[in-house]
Amino acid sequence: MPHVVTDHCTACRYTECVALCPVDCFHAADDRLYIDPDACIDCAACVPVCPVKAIVDAFDLEDGADALIALNRTMSGELPVIADKAAPLPTAEARRASLGY
């Protein structure tokens, strides 16, 4: 199963993950990132570098995994690929703190 970006990414958009992705499967919206589940090779290189633990193996998700995969698939089809690290959103540190990280 692919990895997916969860709602923890919303208002953060840290991009340490995209610089490590060997297949450029990340796509950027104004407020968060998404992973194209069809392009993801499930290497997990992105998981440990996410400061808000927003990237999860779909297998490890509880109920709603199918909906989250579908959301990532839909949004990645509509958004541009992001392959280079960029500055996080101005709200990132506050969001990170609110998540307890």
PDB file of N, CA and C in Angstrom:
ATOM      1  N   MET A   1       0.851  -1.180   0.000  1.00  0.00           N
ATOM      2  CA  MET A   1       0.000   0.000   0.000  1.00  0.00           C
ATOM      3  C   MET A   1       0.895   1.242   0.000  1.00  0.00           C
ATOM      4  N   PRO A   2       0.403   2.316  -0.559  1.00  0.00           N
ATOM      5  CA  PRO A   2       1.195   3.545  -0.620  1.00  0.00           C
ATOM      6  C   PRO A   2       1.186   4.296   0.706  1.00  0.00           C
ATOM      7  N   HIS A   3       2.030   5.279   0.766  1.00  0.00           N
ATOM      8  CA  HIS A   3       1.996   6.217   1.878  1.00  0.00           C
ATOM      9  C   HIS A   3       1.050   7.346   1.507  1.00  0.00           C
ATOM     10  N   VAL A   4       0.458   7.974   2.506  1.00  0.00           N
ATOM     11  CA  VAL A   4      -0.467   9.084   2.281  1.00  0.00           C
ATOM     12  C   VAL A   4      -0.117  10.236   3.208  1.00  0.00           C
ATOM     13  N   VAL A   5      -0.492  11.424   2.785  1.00  0.00           N
ATOM     14  CA  VAL A   5      -0.334  12.601   3.636  1.00  0.00           C
ATOM     15  C   VAL A   5      -1.664  12.819   4.340  1.00  0.00           C
ATOM     16  N   THR A   6      -1.601  12.940   5.661  1.00  0.00           N
ATOM     17  CA  THR A   6      -2.801  13.142   6.471  1.00  0.00           C
ATOM     18  C   THR A   6      -3.051  14.630   6.703  1.00  0.00           C
ATOM     19  N   ASP A   7      -4.114  14.916   7.426  1.00  0.00           N
ATOM     20  CA  ASP A   7      -4.478  16.303   7.731  1.00  0.00           C
ATOM     21  C   ASP A   7      -3.459  17.003   8.619  1.00  0.00           C
ATOM     22  N   HIS A   8      -2.539  16.278   9.213  1.00  0.00           N
ATOM     23  CA  HIS A   8      -1.502  16.928  10.019  1.00  0.00           C
ATOM     24  C   HIS A   8      -0.688  17.909   9.192  1.00  0.00           C
ATOM     25  N   CYS A   9      -0.638  17.713   7.886  1.00  0.00           N
ATOM     26  CA  CYS A   9       0.131  18.597   7.007  1.00  0.00           C
ATOM     27  C   CYS A   9      -0.545  19.956   6.808  1.00  0.00           C
ATOM     28  N   THR A  10      -1.844  20.013   7.015  1.00  0.00           N
ATOM     29  CA  THR A  10      -2.590  21.250   6.791  1.00  0.00           C
ATOM     30  C   THR A  10      -2.040  22.375   7.660  1.00  0.00           C
ATOM     31  N   ALA A  11      -1.787  23.498   7.032  1.00  0.00           N
ATOM     32  CA  ALA A  11      -1.248  24.711   7.666  1.00  0.00           C
ATOM     33  C   ALA A  11       0.233  24.609   8.013  1.00  0.00           C
ATOM     34  N   CYS A  12       0.877  23.533   7.584  1.00  0.00           N
ATOM     35  CA  CYS A  12       2.324  23.371   7.819  1.00  0.00           C
ATOM     36  C   CYS A  12       3.078  23.434   6.500  1.00  0.00           C
ATOM     37  N   ARG A  13       2.865  22.394   5.726  1.00  0.00           N
ATOM     38  CA  ARG A  13       3.529  22.186   4.434  1.00  0.00           C
ATOM     39  C   ARG A  13       5.047  22.224   4.552  1.00  0.00           C
ATOM     40  N   TYR A  14       5.536  21.467   5.526  1.00  0.00           N
ATOM     41  CA  TYR A  14       6.981  21.226   5.589  1.00  0.00           C
ATOM     42  C   TYR A  14       7.324  20.390   4.354  1.00  0.00           C
ATOM     43  N   THR A  15       8.487  20.602   3.782  1.00  0.00           N
ATOM     44  CA  THR A  15       8.806  19.903   2.537  1.00  0.00           C
ATOM     45  C   THR A  15      10.109  19.118   2.606  1.00  0.00           C
ATOM     46  N   GLU A  16      10.547  18.785   3.792  1.00  0.00           N
ATOM     47  CA  GLU A  16      11.725  17.948   3.915  1.00  0.00           C
ATOM     48  C   GLU A  16      11.518  16.630   3.167  1.00  0.00           C
ATOM     49  N   CYS A  17      10.294  16.163   3.161  1.00  0.00           N
ATOM     50  CA  CYS A  17       9.944  14.892   2.541  1.00  0.00           C
ATOM     51  C   CYS A  17      10.156  14.883   1.030  1.00  0.00           C
ATOM     52  N   VAL A  18       9.821  15.963   0.378  1.00  0.00           N
ATOM     53  CA  VAL A  18       9.879  15.970  -1.086  1.00  0.00           C
ATOM     54  C   VAL A  18      11.307  15.861  -1.606  1.00  0.00           C
ATOM     55  N   ALA A  19      12.255  16.379  -0.866  1.00  0.00           N
ATOM     56  CA  ALA A  19      13.651  16.328  -1.296  1.00  0.00           C
ATOM     57  C   ALA A  19      14.198  14.900  -1.258  1.00  0.00           C
ATOM     58  N   LEU A  20      13.589  14.029  -0.476  1.00  0.00           N
ATOM     59  CA  LEU A  20      14.051  12.645  -0.350  1.00  0.00           C
ATOM     60  C   LEU A  20      13.310  11.662  -1.244  1.00  0.00           C
ATOM     61  N   CYS A  21      12.216  12.094  -1.825  1.00  0.00           N
ATOM     62  CA  CYS A  21      11.381  11.189  -2.617  1.00  0.00           C
ATOM     63  C   CYS A  21      12.071  10.842  -3.941  1.00  0.00           C
ATOM     64  N   PRO A  22      12.343   9.558  -4.174  1.00  0.00           N
ATOM     65  CA  PRO A  22      13.043   9.176  -5.404  1.00  0.00           C
ATOM     66  C   PRO A  22      12.171   9.187  -6.656  1.00  0.00           C
ATOM     67  N   VAL A  23      10.844   9.303  -6.487  1.00  0.00           N
ATOM     68  CA  VAL A  23       9.952   9.252  -7.649  1.00  0.00           C
ATOM     69  C   VAL A  23       9.095  10.506  -7.809  1.00  0.00           C
ATOM     70  N   ASP A  24       9.380  11.544  -7.044  1.00  0.00           N
ATOM     71  CA  ASP A  24       8.634  12.807  -7.149  1.00  0.00           C
ATOM     72  C   ASP A  24       7.120  12.597  -7.128  1.00  0.00           C
ATOM     73  N   CYS A  25       6.634  11.956  -6.080  1.00  0.00           N
ATOM     74  CA  CYS A  25       5.197  11.676  -5.995  1.00  0.00           C
ATOM     75  C   CYS A  25       4.426  12.703  -5.160  1.00  0.00           C
ATOM     76  N   PHE A  26       5.120  13.744  -4.655  1.00  0.00           N
ATOM     77  CA  PHE A  26       4.444  14.769  -3.855  1.00  0.00           C
ATOM     78  C   PHE A  26       3.878  15.870  -4.746  1.00  0.00           C
ATOM     79  N   HIS A  27       2.712  16.364  -4.343  1.00  0.00           N
ATOM     80  CA  HIS A  27       2.045  17.455  -5.052  1.00  0.00           C
ATOM     81  C   HIS A  27       1.659  18.502  -4.007  1.00  0.00           C
ATOM     82  N   ALA A  28       1.788  19.773  -4.376  1.00  0.00           N
ATOM     83  CA  ALA A  28       1.593  20.845  -3.401  1.00  0.00           C
ATOM     84  C   ALA A  28       0.338  21.663  -3.671  1.00  0.00           C
ATOM     85  N   ALA A  29      -0.437  21.830  -2.617  1.00  0.00           N
ATOM     86  CA  ALA A  29      -1.548  22.779  -2.608  1.00  0.00           C
ATOM     87  C   ALA A  29      -1.083  24.001  -1.825  1.00  0.00           C
ATOM     88  N   ASP A  30      -1.902  25.005  -1.741  1.00  0.00           N
ATOM     89  CA  ASP A  30      -1.527  26.203  -1.006  1.00  0.00           C
ATOM     90  C   ASP A  30      -1.323  25.942   0.479  1.00  0.00           C
ATOM     91  N   ASP A  31      -2.044  24.942   1.020  1.00  0.00           N
ATOM     92  CA  ASP A  31      -2.013  24.735   2.467  1.00  0.00           C
ATOM     93  C   ASP A  31      -1.421  23.410   2.928  1.00  0.00           C
ATOM     94  N   ARG A  32      -1.102  22.505   1.992  1.00  0.00           N
ATOM     95  CA  ARG A  32      -0.586  21.188   2.384  1.00  0.00           C
ATOM     96  C   ARG A  32      -0.056  20.428   1.189  1.00  0.00           C
ATOM     97  N   LEU A  33       0.458  19.221   1.447  1.00  0.00           N
ATOM     98  CA  LEU A  33       0.962  18.340   0.402  1.00  0.00           C
ATOM     99  C   LEU A  33       0.070  17.111   0.266  1.00  0.00           C
ATOM    100  N   TYR A  34       0.206  16.447  -0.868  1.00  0.00           N
ATOM    101  CA  TYR A  34      -0.481  15.187  -1.132  1.00  0.00           C
ATOM    102  C   TYR A  34       0.507  14.245  -1.807  1.00  0.00           C
ATOM    103  N   ILE A  35       0.297  12.941  -1.671  1.00  0.00           N
ATOM    104  CA  ILE A  35       1.110  11.931  -2.340  1.00  0.00           C
ATOM    105  C   ILE A  35       0.256  11.249  -3.390  1.00  0.00           C
ATOM    106  N   ASP A  36       0.819  11.114  -4.583  1.00  0.00           N
ATOM    107  CA  ASP A  36       0.151  10.346  -5.636  1.00  0.00           C
ATOM    108  C   ASP A  36       0.340   8.866  -5.302  1.00  0.00           C
ATOM    109  N   PRO A  37      -0.727   8.170  -4.909  1.00  0.00           N
ATOM    110  CA  PRO A  37      -0.576   6.770  -4.490  1.00  0.00           C
ATOM    111  C   PRO A  37      -0.184   5.845  -5.636  1.00  0.00           C
ATOM    112  N   ASP A  38      -0.407   6.275  -6.870  1.00  0.00           N
ATOM    113  CA  ASP A  38      -0.016   5.448  -8.007  1.00  0.00           C
ATOM    114  C   ASP A  38       1.470   5.593  -8.322  1.00  0.00           C
ATOM    115  N   ALA A  39       2.067   6.712  -7.928  1.00  0.00           N
ATOM    116  CA  ALA A  39       3.495   6.942  -8.172  1.00  0.00           C
ATOM    117  C   ALA A  39       4.355   6.520  -6.982  1.00  0.00           C
ATOM    118  N   CYS A  40       3.791   6.523  -5.788  1.00  0.00           N
ATOM    119  CA  CYS A  40       4.532   6.177  -4.573  1.00  0.00           C
ATOM    120  C   CYS A  40       5.030   4.739  -4.666  1.00  0.00           C
ATOM    121  N   ILE A  41       6.327   4.555  -4.404  1.00  0.00           N
ATOM    122  CA  ILE A  41       6.904   3.205  -4.438  1.00  0.00           C
ATOM    123  C   ILE A  41       7.021   2.600  -3.036  1.00  0.00           C
ATOM    124  N   ASP A  42       6.460   3.286  -2.060  1.00  0.00           N
ATOM    125  CA  ASP A  42       6.385   2.761  -0.694  1.00  0.00           C
ATOM    126  C   ASP A  42       7.769   2.583  -0.064  1.00  0.00           C
ATOM    127  N   CYS A  43       8.687   3.480  -0.393  1.00  0.00           N
ATOM    128  CA  CYS A  43      10.053   3.363   0.140  1.00  0.00           C
ATOM    129  C   CYS A  43      10.160   3.877   1.579  1.00  0.00           C
ATOM    130  N   ALA A  44       9.235   4.735   1.986  1.00  0.00           N
ATOM    131  CA  ALA A  44       9.166   5.283   3.345  1.00  0.00           C
ATOM    132  C   ALA A  44      10.285   6.255   3.687  1.00  0.00           C
ATOM    133  N   ALA A  45      11.034   6.715   2.712  1.00  0.00           N
ATOM    134  CA  ALA A  45      12.104   7.689   2.985  1.00  0.00           C
ATOM    135  C   ALA A  45      11.554   8.981   3.559  1.00  0.00           C
ATOM    136  N   CYS A  46      10.336   9.329   3.214  1.00  0.00           N
ATOM    137  CA  CYS A  46       9.721  10.583   3.641  1.00  0.00           C
ATOM    138  C   CYS A  46       9.216  10.555   5.084  1.00  0.00           C
ATOM    139  N   VAL A  47       8.882   9.400   5.583  1.00  0.00           N
ATOM    140  CA  VAL A  47       8.212   9.289   6.883  1.00  0.00           C
ATOM    141  C   VAL A  47       9.014   9.881   8.043  1.00  0.00           C
ATOM    142  N   PRO A  48      10.258   9.508   8.254  1.00  0.00           N
ATOM    143  CA  PRO A  48      10.961   9.997   9.444  1.00  0.00           C
ATOM    144  C   PRO A  48      11.329  11.483   9.419  1.00  0.00           C
ATOM    145  N   VAL A  49      11.287  12.113   8.258  1.00  0.00           N
ATOM    146  CA  VAL A  49      11.689  13.522   8.195  1.00  0.00           C
ATOM    147  C   VAL A  49      10.528  14.491   8.364  1.00  0.00           C
ATOM    148  N   CYS A  50       9.317  14.005   8.410  1.00  0.00           N
ATOM    149  CA  CYS A  50       8.161  14.899   8.572  1.00  0.00           C
ATOM    150  C   CYS A  50       8.059  15.348  10.026  1.00  0.00           C
ATOM    151  N   PRO A  51       8.199  16.658  10.282  1.00  0.00           N
ATOM    152  CA  PRO A  51       8.192  17.139  11.664  1.00  0.00           C
ATOM    153  C   PRO A  51       6.833  17.059  12.363  1.00  0.00           C
ATOM    154  N   VAL A  52       5.756  16.804  11.595  1.00  0.00           N
ATOM    155  CA  VAL A  52       4.432  16.708  12.208  1.00  0.00           C
ATOM    156  C   VAL A  52       3.797  15.326  12.014  1.00  0.00           C
ATOM    157  N   LYS A  53       4.625  14.373  11.607  1.00  0.00           N
ATOM    158  CA  LYS A  53       4.171  12.988  11.436  1.00  0.00           C
ATOM    159  C   LYS A  53       2.918  12.896  10.557  1.00  0.00           C
ATOM    160  N   ALA A  54       2.937  13.650   9.461  1.00  0.00           N
ATOM    161  CA  ALA A  54       1.790  13.708   8.565  1.00  0.00           C
ATOM    162  C   ALA A  54       1.784  12.617   7.508  1.00  0.00           C
ATOM    163  N   ILE A  55       2.885  11.885   7.367  1.00  0.00           N
ATOM    164  CA  ILE A  55       2.975  10.867   6.326  1.00  0.00           C
ATOM    165  C   ILE A  55       2.888   9.487   6.975  1.00  0.00           C
ATOM    166  N   VAL A  56       1.927   8.707   6.493  1.00  0.00           N
ATOM    167  CA  VAL A  56       1.642   7.418   7.110  1.00  0.00           C
ATOM    168  C   VAL A  56       1.475   6.362   6.019  1.00  0.00           C
ATOM    169  N   ASP A  57       1.934   5.156   6.282  1.00  0.00           N
ATOM    170  CA  ASP A  57       1.656   4.041   5.390  1.00  0.00           C
ATOM    171  C   ASP A  57       0.149   3.785   5.463  1.00  0.00           C
ATOM    172  N   ALA A  58      -0.488   3.670   4.321  1.00  0.00           N
ATOM    173  CA  ALA A  58      -1.938   3.464   4.291  1.00  0.00           C
ATOM    174  C   ALA A  58      -2.340   2.222   5.077  1.00  0.00           C
ATOM    175  N   PHE A  59      -1.471   1.238   5.141  1.00  0.00           N
ATOM    176  CA  PHE A  59      -1.742   0.015   5.886  1.00  0.00           C
ATOM    177  C   PHE A  59      -1.896   0.300   7.381  1.00  0.00           C
ATOM    178  N   ASP A  60      -1.222   1.334   7.877  1.00  0.00           N
ATOM    179  CA  ASP A  60      -1.260   1.657   9.297  1.00  0.00           C
ATOM    180  C   ASP A  60      -2.428   2.559   9.691  1.00  0.00           C
ATOM    181  N   LEU A  61      -3.180   3.015   8.730  1.00  0.00           N
ATOM    182  CA  LEU A  61      -4.327   3.873   9.029  1.00  0.00           C
ATOM    183  C   LEU A  61      -5.480   3.045   9.559  1.00  0.00           C
ATOM    184  N   GLU A  62      -6.249   3.671  10.401  1.00  0.00           N
ATOM    185  CA  GLU A  62      -7.439   3.002  10.904  1.00  0.00           C
ATOM    186  C   GLU A  62      -8.560   3.214   9.891  1.00  0.00           C
ATOM    187  N   ASP A  63      -9.770   3.248  10.342  1.00  0.00           N
ATOM    188  CA  ASP A  63     -10.908   3.482   9.461  1.00  0.00           C
ATOM    189  C   ASP A  63     -10.705   4.764   8.664  1.00  0.00           C
ATOM    190  N   GLY A  64     -11.164   4.752   7.432  1.00  0.00           N
ATOM    191  CA  GLY A  64     -11.049   5.928   6.593  1.00  0.00           C
ATOM    192  C   GLY A  64      -9.838   5.927   5.688  1.00  0.00           C
ATOM    193  N   ALA A  65      -9.067   4.853   5.696  1.00  0.00           N
ATOM    194  CA  ALA A  65      -7.860   4.785   4.869  1.00  0.00           C
ATOM    195  C   ALA A  65      -8.196   4.925   3.397  1.00  0.00           C
ATOM    196  N   ASP A  66      -9.256   4.270   2.961  1.00  0.00           N
ATOM    197  CA  ASP A  66      -9.628   4.343   1.545  1.00  0.00           C
ATOM    198  C   ASP A  66      -9.973   5.769   1.140  1.00  0.00           C
ATOM    199  N   ALA A  67     -10.659   6.483   2.016  1.00  0.00           N
ATOM    200  CA  ALA A  67     -11.021   7.870   1.718  1.00  0.00           C
ATOM    201  C   ALA A  67      -9.783   8.753   1.652  1.00  0.00           C
ATOM    202  N   LEU A  68      -8.825   8.512   2.517  1.00  0.00           N
ATOM    203  CA  LEU A  68      -7.598   9.314   2.524  1.00  0.00           C
ATOM    204  C   LEU A  68      -6.746   9.022   1.289  1.00  0.00           C
ATOM    205  N   ILE A  69      -6.677   7.773   0.890  1.00  0.00           N
ATOM    206  CA  ILE A  69      -5.969   7.423  -0.343  1.00  0.00           C
ATOM    207  C   ILE A  69      -6.652   8.091  -1.531  1.00  0.00           C
ATOM    208  N   ALA A  70      -7.967   8.040  -1.567  1.00  0.00           N
ATOM    209  CA  ALA A  70      -8.717   8.659  -2.668  1.00  0.00           C
ATOM    210  C   ALA A  70      -8.499  10.166  -2.704  1.00  0.00           C
ATOM    211  N   LEU A  71      -8.485  10.801  -1.538  1.00  0.00           N
ATOM    212  CA  LEU A  71      -8.237  12.244  -1.481  1.00  0.00           C
ATOM    213  C   LEU A  71      -6.849  12.568  -2.024  1.00  0.00           C
ATOM    214  N   ASN A  72      -5.831  11.827  -1.584  1.00  0.00           N
ATOM    215  CA  ASN A  72      -4.476  12.049  -2.073  1.00  0.00           C
ATOM    216  C   ASN A  72      -4.404  11.821  -3.587  1.00  0.00           C
ATOM    217  N   ARG A  73      -5.083  10.795  -4.089  1.00  0.00           N
ATOM    218  CA  ARG A  73      -5.084  10.503  -5.524  1.00  0.00           C
ATOM    219  C   ARG A  73      -5.743  11.645  -6.303  1.00  0.00           C
ATOM    220  N   THR A  74      -6.888  12.078  -5.847  1.00  0.00           N
ATOM    221  CA  THR A  74      -7.618  13.147  -6.537  1.00  0.00           C
ATOM    222  C   THR A  74      -6.829  14.439  -6.550  1.00  0.00           C
ATOM    223  N   MET A  75      -6.349  14.838  -5.387  1.00  0.00           N
ATOM    224  CA  MET A  75      -5.645  16.115  -5.299  1.00  0.00           C
ATOM    225  C   MET A  75      -4.310  16.089  -6.034  1.00  0.00           C
ATOM    226  N   SER A  76      -3.604  14.970  -6.005  1.00  0.00           N
ATOM    227  CA  SER A  76      -2.331  14.904  -6.717  1.00  0.00           C
ATOM    228  C   SER A  76      -2.552  14.980  -8.221  1.00  0.00           C
ATOM    229  N   GLY A  77      -3.715  14.555  -8.682  1.00  0.00           N
ATOM    230  CA  GLY A  77      -4.036  14.666 -10.100  1.00  0.00           C
ATOM    231  C   GLY A  77      -4.337  16.088 -10.539  1.00  0.00           C
ATOM    232  N   GLU A  78      -4.636  16.948  -9.579  1.00  0.00           N
ATOM    233  CA  GLU A  78      -5.004  18.334  -9.894  1.00  0.00           C
ATOM    234  C   GLU A  78      -3.898  19.342  -9.594  1.00  0.00           C
ATOM    235  N   LEU A  79      -2.871  18.918  -8.864  1.00  0.00           N
ATOM    236  CA  LEU A  79      -1.851  19.852  -8.379  1.00  0.00           C
ATOM    237  C   LEU A  79      -0.483  19.550  -8.984  1.00  0.00           C
ATOM    238  N   PRO A  80       0.388  20.561  -9.018  1.00  0.00           N
ATOM    239  CA  PRO A  80       1.725  20.340  -9.577  1.00  0.00           C
ATOM    240  C   PRO A  80       2.623  19.525  -8.642  1.00  0.00           C
ATOM    241  N   VAL A  81       3.551  18.815  -9.253  1.00  0.00           N
ATOM    242  CA  VAL A  81       4.562  18.083  -8.501  1.00  0.00           C
ATOM    243  C   VAL A  81       5.475  19.079  -7.806  1.00  0.00           C
ATOM    244  N   ILE A  82       5.873  18.747  -6.587  1.00  0.00           N
ATOM    245  CA  ILE A  82       6.880  19.529  -5.879  1.00  0.00           C
ATOM    246  C   ILE A  82       8.029  18.571  -5.566  1.00  0.00           C
ATOM    247  N   ALA A  83       9.223  18.920  -6.013  1.00  0.00           N
ATOM    248  CA  ALA A  83      10.365  18.028  -5.840  1.00  0.00           C
ATOM    249  C   ALA A  83      11.511  18.664  -5.066  1.00  0.00           C
ATOM    250  N   ASP A  84      11.398  19.944  -4.775  1.00  0.00           N
ATOM    251  CA  ASP A  84      12.463  20.647  -4.061  1.00  0.00           C
ATOM    252  C   ASP A  84      11.942  21.195  -2.744  1.00  0.00           C
ATOM    253  N   LYS A  85      12.796  21.160  -1.751  1.00  0.00           N
ATOM    254  CA  LYS A  85      12.451  21.702  -0.437  1.00  0.00           C
ATOM    255  C   LYS A  85      12.145  23.190  -0.556  1.00  0.00           C
ATOM    256  N   ALA A  86      11.110  23.612   0.137  1.00  0.00           N
ATOM    257  CA  ALA A  86      10.692  25.013   0.162  1.00  0.00           C
ATOM    258  C   ALA A  86      10.436  25.409   1.609  1.00  0.00           C
ATOM    259  N   ALA A  87      10.284  26.675   1.831  1.00  0.00           N
ATOM    260  CA  ALA A  87       9.996  27.163   3.183  1.00  0.00           C
ATOM    261  C   ALA A  87       8.607  26.686   3.616  1.00  0.00           C
ATOM    262  N   PRO A  88       8.461  26.312   4.887  1.00  0.00           N
ATOM    263  CA  PRO A  88       7.134  25.939   5.366  1.00  0.00           C
ATOM    264  C   PRO A  88       6.228  27.174   5.418  1.00  0.00           C
ATOM    265  N   LEU A  89       4.968  26.941   5.602  1.00  0.00           N
ATOM    266  CA  LEU A  89       4.011  28.043   5.701  1.00  0.00           C
ATOM    267  C   LEU A  89       4.284  28.857   6.962  1.00  0.00           C
ATOM    268  N   PRO A  90       3.899  30.136   6.973  1.00  0.00           N
ATOM    269  CA  PRO A  90       4.085  30.956   8.174  1.00  0.00           C
ATOM    270  C   PRO A  90       3.358  30.408   9.406  1.00  0.00           C
ATOM    271  N   THR A  91       2.347  29.608   9.183  1.00  0.00           N
ATOM    272  CA  THR A  91       1.564  29.018  10.278  1.00  0.00           C
ATOM    273  C   THR A  91       2.123  27.680  10.758  1.00  0.00           C
ATOM    274  N   ALA A  92       3.215  27.228  10.158  1.00  0.00           N
ATOM    275  CA  ALA A  92       3.734  25.883  10.419  1.00  0.00           C
ATOM    276  C   ALA A  92       4.131  25.650  11.872  1.00  0.00           C
ATOM    277  N   GLU A  93       4.862  26.559  12.456  1.00  0.00           N
ATOM    278  CA  GLU A  93       5.322  26.334  13.839  1.00  0.00           C
ATOM    279  C   GLU A  93       4.160  26.301  14.811  1.00  0.00           C
ATOM    280  N   ALA A  94       3.174  27.178  14.626  1.00  0.00           N
ATOM    281  CA  ALA A  94       1.997  27.165  15.501  1.00  0.00           C
ATOM    282  C   ALA A  94       1.216  25.872  15.319  1.00  0.00           C
ATOM    283  N   ARG A  95       1.086  25.410  14.083  1.00  0.00           N
ATOM    284  CA  ARG A  95       0.375  24.159  13.817  1.00  0.00           C
ATOM    285  C   ARG A  95       1.135  22.982  14.431  1.00  0.00           C
ATOM    286  N   ARG A  96       2.434  22.990  14.283  1.00  0.00           N
ATOM    287  CA  ARG A  96       3.267  21.927  14.853  1.00  0.00           C
ATOM    288  C   ARG A  96       3.084  21.871  16.368  1.00  0.00           C
ATOM    289  N   ALA A  97       3.106  23.019  17.000  1.00  0.00           N
ATOM    290  CA  ALA A  97       2.903  23.077  18.457  1.00  0.00           C
ATOM    291  C   ALA A  97       1.509  22.575  18.842  1.00  0.00           C
ATOM    292  N   SER A  98       0.502  22.942  18.059  1.00  0.00           N
ATOM    293  CA  SER A  98      -0.863  22.510  18.373  1.00  0.00           C
ATOM    294  C   SER A  98      -1.024  20.996  18.243  1.00  0.00           C
ATOM    295  N   LEU A  99      -0.198  20.372  17.411  1.00  0.00           N
ATOM    296  CA  LEU A  99      -0.224  18.922  17.262  1.00  0.00           C
ATOM    297  C   LEU A  99       0.625  18.219  18.319  1.00  0.00           C
ATOM    298  N   GLY A 100       1.383  18.990  19.072  1.00  0.00           N
ATOM    299  CA  GLY A 100       2.188  18.434  20.159  1.00  0.00           C
ATOM    300  C   GLY A 100       3.571  17.955  19.738  1.00  0.00           C
ATOM    301  N   TYR A 101       4.091  18.507  18.640  1.00  0.00           N
ATOM    302  CA  TYR A 101       5.414  18.073  18.173  1.00  0.00           C
ATOM    303  C   TYR A 101       6.429  19.185  18.308  1.00  0.00           C
TER     304      TYR A 101
END
